C-alpha atoms as a PDB file:
ATOM      1  CA  MET A   1      59.340 -96.222 -12.226  1.00  0.00           C
ATOM      2  CA  PRO A   2      58.692 -94.184 -15.463  1.00  0.00           C
ATOM      3  CA  ARG A   3      61.751 -93.116 -17.310  1.00  0.00           C
ATOM      4  CA  PRO A   4      62.463 -89.272 -17.604  1.00  0.00           C
ATOM      5  CA  SER A   5      61.164 -87.501 -20.914  1.00  0.00           C
ATOM      6  CA  LEU A   6      63.670 -86.844 -23.546  1.00  0.00           C
ATOM      7  CA  HIS A   7      61.455 -84.195 -24.959  1.00  0.00           C
ATOM      8  CA  ILE A   8      63.088 -80.685 -25.109  1.00  0.00           C
ATOM      9  CA  GLU A   9      60.618 -77.731 -25.671  1.00  0.00           C
ATOM     10  CA  PRO A  10      61.520 -75.520 -28.909  1.00  0.00           C
ATOM     11  CA  THR A  11      62.645 -71.936 -27.641  1.00  0.00           C
ATOM     12  CA  SER A  12      63.654 -70.288 -30.810  1.00  0.00           C
ATOM     13  CA  PRO A  13      61.334 -69.195 -33.784  1.00  0.00           C
ATOM     14  CA  LEU A  14      63.342 -71.646 -36.091  1.00  0.00           C
ATOM     15  CA  GLN A  15      62.860 -74.479 -33.501  1.00  0.00           C
ATOM     16  CA  ILE A  16      59.219 -73.729 -32.918  1.00  0.00           C
ATOM     17  CA  ALA A  17      58.946 -73.989 -36.653  1.00  0.00           C
ATOM     18  CA  ARG A  18      60.694 -77.254 -37.178  1.00  0.00           C
ATOM     19  CA  HIS A  19      58.710 -78.559 -34.309  1.00  0.00           C
ATOM     20  CA  TYR A  20      55.299 -77.913 -35.918  1.00  0.00           C
ATOM     21  CA  VAL A  21      56.196 -78.736 -39.131  1.00  0.00           C
ATOM     22  CA  ARG A  22      57.319 -82.083 -37.917  1.00  0.00           C
ATOM     23  CA  GLU A  23      54.110 -82.660 -36.386  1.00  0.00           C
ATOM     24  CA  LEU A  24      52.102 -81.305 -39.164  1.00  0.00           C
ATOM     25  CA  ILE A  25      53.755 -83.828 -41.580  1.00  0.00           C
ATOM     26  CA  TYR A  26      54.688 -86.927 -39.307  1.00  0.00           C
ATOM     27  CA  GLY A  27      52.716 -86.452 -36.304  1.00  0.00           C
ATOM     28  CA  ALA A  28      49.928 -88.251 -34.441  1.00  0.00           C
ATOM     29  CA  ASN A  29      48.370 -91.470 -35.393  1.00  0.00           C
ATOM     30  CA  ASP A  30      47.614 -90.342 -39.105  1.00  0.00           C
ATOM     31  CA  GLY A  31      51.006 -88.898 -39.952  1.00  0.00           C
ATOM     32  CA  ILE A  32      51.615 -91.357 -42.813  1.00  0.00           C
ATOM     33  CA  ILE A  33      48.211 -90.006 -44.538  1.00  0.00           C
ATOM     34  CA  THR A  34      49.270 -86.225 -44.011  1.00  0.00           C
ATOM     35  CA  THR A  35      52.410 -86.996 -45.439  1.00  0.00           C
ATOM     36  CA  PHE A  36      50.829 -88.638 -48.647  1.00  0.00           C
ATOM     37  CA  ALA A  37      48.421 -85.654 -48.581  1.00  0.00           C
ATOM     38  CA  VAL A  38      51.446 -83.159 -48.635  1.00  0.00           C
ATOM     39  CA  VAL A  39      53.131 -85.090 -51.172  1.00  0.00           C
ATOM     40  CA  ALA A  40      50.165 -85.398 -53.534  1.00  0.00           C
ATOM     41  CA  GLY A  41      49.234 -81.788 -53.247  1.00  0.00           C
ATOM     42  CA  GLY A  42      52.942 -80.944 -54.232  1.00  0.00           C
ATOM     43  CA  GLY A  43      52.929 -83.266 -56.961  1.00  0.00           C
ATOM     44  CA  MET A  44      49.428 -81.685 -58.325  1.00  0.00           C
ATOM     45  CA  PHE A  45      50.909 -78.207 -57.864  1.00  0.00           C
ATOM     46  CA  VAL A  46      54.083 -79.179 -60.193  1.00  0.00           C
ATOM     47  CA  VAL A  47      52.180 -81.111 -62.785  1.00  0.00           C
ATOM     48  CA  GLY A  48      50.034 -77.881 -63.253  1.00  0.00           C
ATOM     49  CA  ALA A  49      52.854 -75.542 -62.999  1.00  0.00           C
ATOM     50  CA  LEU A  50      54.388 -77.835 -65.667  1.00  0.00           C
ATOM     51  CA  ARG A  51      51.677 -76.877 -67.991  1.00  0.00           C
ATOM     52  CA  ALA A  52      52.808 -73.556 -68.468  1.00  0.00           C
ATOM     53  CA  LEU A  53      55.594 -75.000 -70.678  1.00  0.00           C
ATOM     54  CA  ILE A  54      52.870 -75.918 -73.410  1.00  0.00           C
ATOM     55  CA  ALA A  55      49.723 -73.378 -72.335  1.00  0.00           C
ATOM     56  CA  ASP A  56      49.927 -69.547 -72.321  1.00  0.00           C
ATOM     57  CA  VAL A  57      49.350 -69.162 -68.586  1.00  0.00           C
ATOM     58  CA  ARG A  58      51.433 -68.228 -65.653  1.00  0.00           C
ATOM     59  CA  TRP A  59      52.970 -71.125 -63.834  1.00  0.00           C
ATOM     60  CA  TRP A  60      51.987 -70.573 -60.433  1.00  0.00           C
ATOM     61  CA  LYS A  61      48.379 -69.931 -61.430  1.00  0.00           C
ATOM     62  CA  ALA A  62      48.297 -73.175 -63.466  1.00  0.00           C
ATOM     63  CA  GLY A  63      49.842 -74.806 -60.337  1.00  0.00           C
ATOM     64  CA  VAL A  64      47.061 -73.366 -57.980  1.00  0.00           C
ATOM     65  CA  GLU A  65      44.370 -74.215 -60.439  1.00  0.00           C
ATOM     66  CA  MET A  66      45.303 -77.840 -60.762  1.00  0.00           C
ATOM     67  CA  LEU A  67      45.763 -77.929 -56.834  1.00  0.00           C
ATOM     68  CA  GLY A  68      42.486 -76.503 -56.446  1.00  0.00           C
ATOM     69  CA  LEU A  69      40.830 -78.979 -58.953  1.00  0.00           C
ATOM     70  CA  GLY A  70      42.589 -81.951 -57.436  1.00  0.00           C
ATOM     71  CA  GLY A  71      41.020 -80.564 -53.998  1.00  0.00           C
ATOM     72  CA  VAL A  72      37.778 -80.582 -55.175  1.00  0.00           C
ATOM     73  CA  VAL A  73      37.759 -83.874 -56.927  1.00  0.00           C
ATOM     74  CA  ALA A  74      39.171 -85.369 -53.666  1.00  0.00           C
ATOM     75  CA  MET A  75      36.273 -84.037 -51.876  1.00  0.00           C
ATOM     76  CA  VAL A  76      33.886 -85.479 -53.991  1.00  0.00           C
ATOM     77  CA  ALA A  77      35.510 -89.012 -54.283  1.00  0.00           C
ATOM     78  CA  TYR A  78      35.272 -89.124 -50.517  1.00  0.00           C
ATOM     79  CA  ALA A  79      31.752 -87.915 -50.318  1.00  0.00           C
ATOM     80  CA  SER A  80      30.488 -90.526 -52.956  1.00  0.00           C
ATOM     81  CA  GLY A  81      32.623 -93.104 -51.117  1.00  0.00           C
ATOM     82  CA  GLY A  82      30.577 -92.362 -48.002  1.00  0.00           C
ATOM     83  CA  PHE A  83      27.374 -92.373 -49.714  1.00  0.00           C
ATOM     84  CA  VAL A  84      28.183 -95.797 -51.142  1.00  0.00           C
ATOM     85  CA  ALA A  85      28.982 -96.980 -47.870  1.00  0.00           C
ATOM     86  CA  ARG A  86      25.845 -96.013 -46.445  1.00  0.00           C
ATOM     87  CA  LEU A  87      24.001 -97.644 -49.185  1.00  0.00           C
ATOM     88  CA  LEU A  88      25.748-100.718 -48.659  1.00  0.00           C
ATOM     89  CA  GLU A  89      25.048-100.639 -44.990  1.00  0.00           C
ATOM     90  CA  GLY A  90      21.422-100.438 -45.691  1.00  0.00           C
ATOM     91  CA  GLY A  91      21.216 -97.244 -43.720  1.00  0.00           C
END
């Protein structure tokens, strides 16, 4: 006999936001990967924003620039890894 669900549907806007943020960060099977991606993105933004201490740029612009550059580098690394994997498989 199945036990009753402990799930409670969120009703207020704050509860709904908390529910979906939790699902985004910790949810599903790849929650840990999502968490690391969010933390890495936040870290890249902070490092870029700190660049404003030594360069004559706005902190938010430097943070967004670093985050964007990191995203492009991550996509290139992912694509090149897939390419090498296909080469090694012989296909």
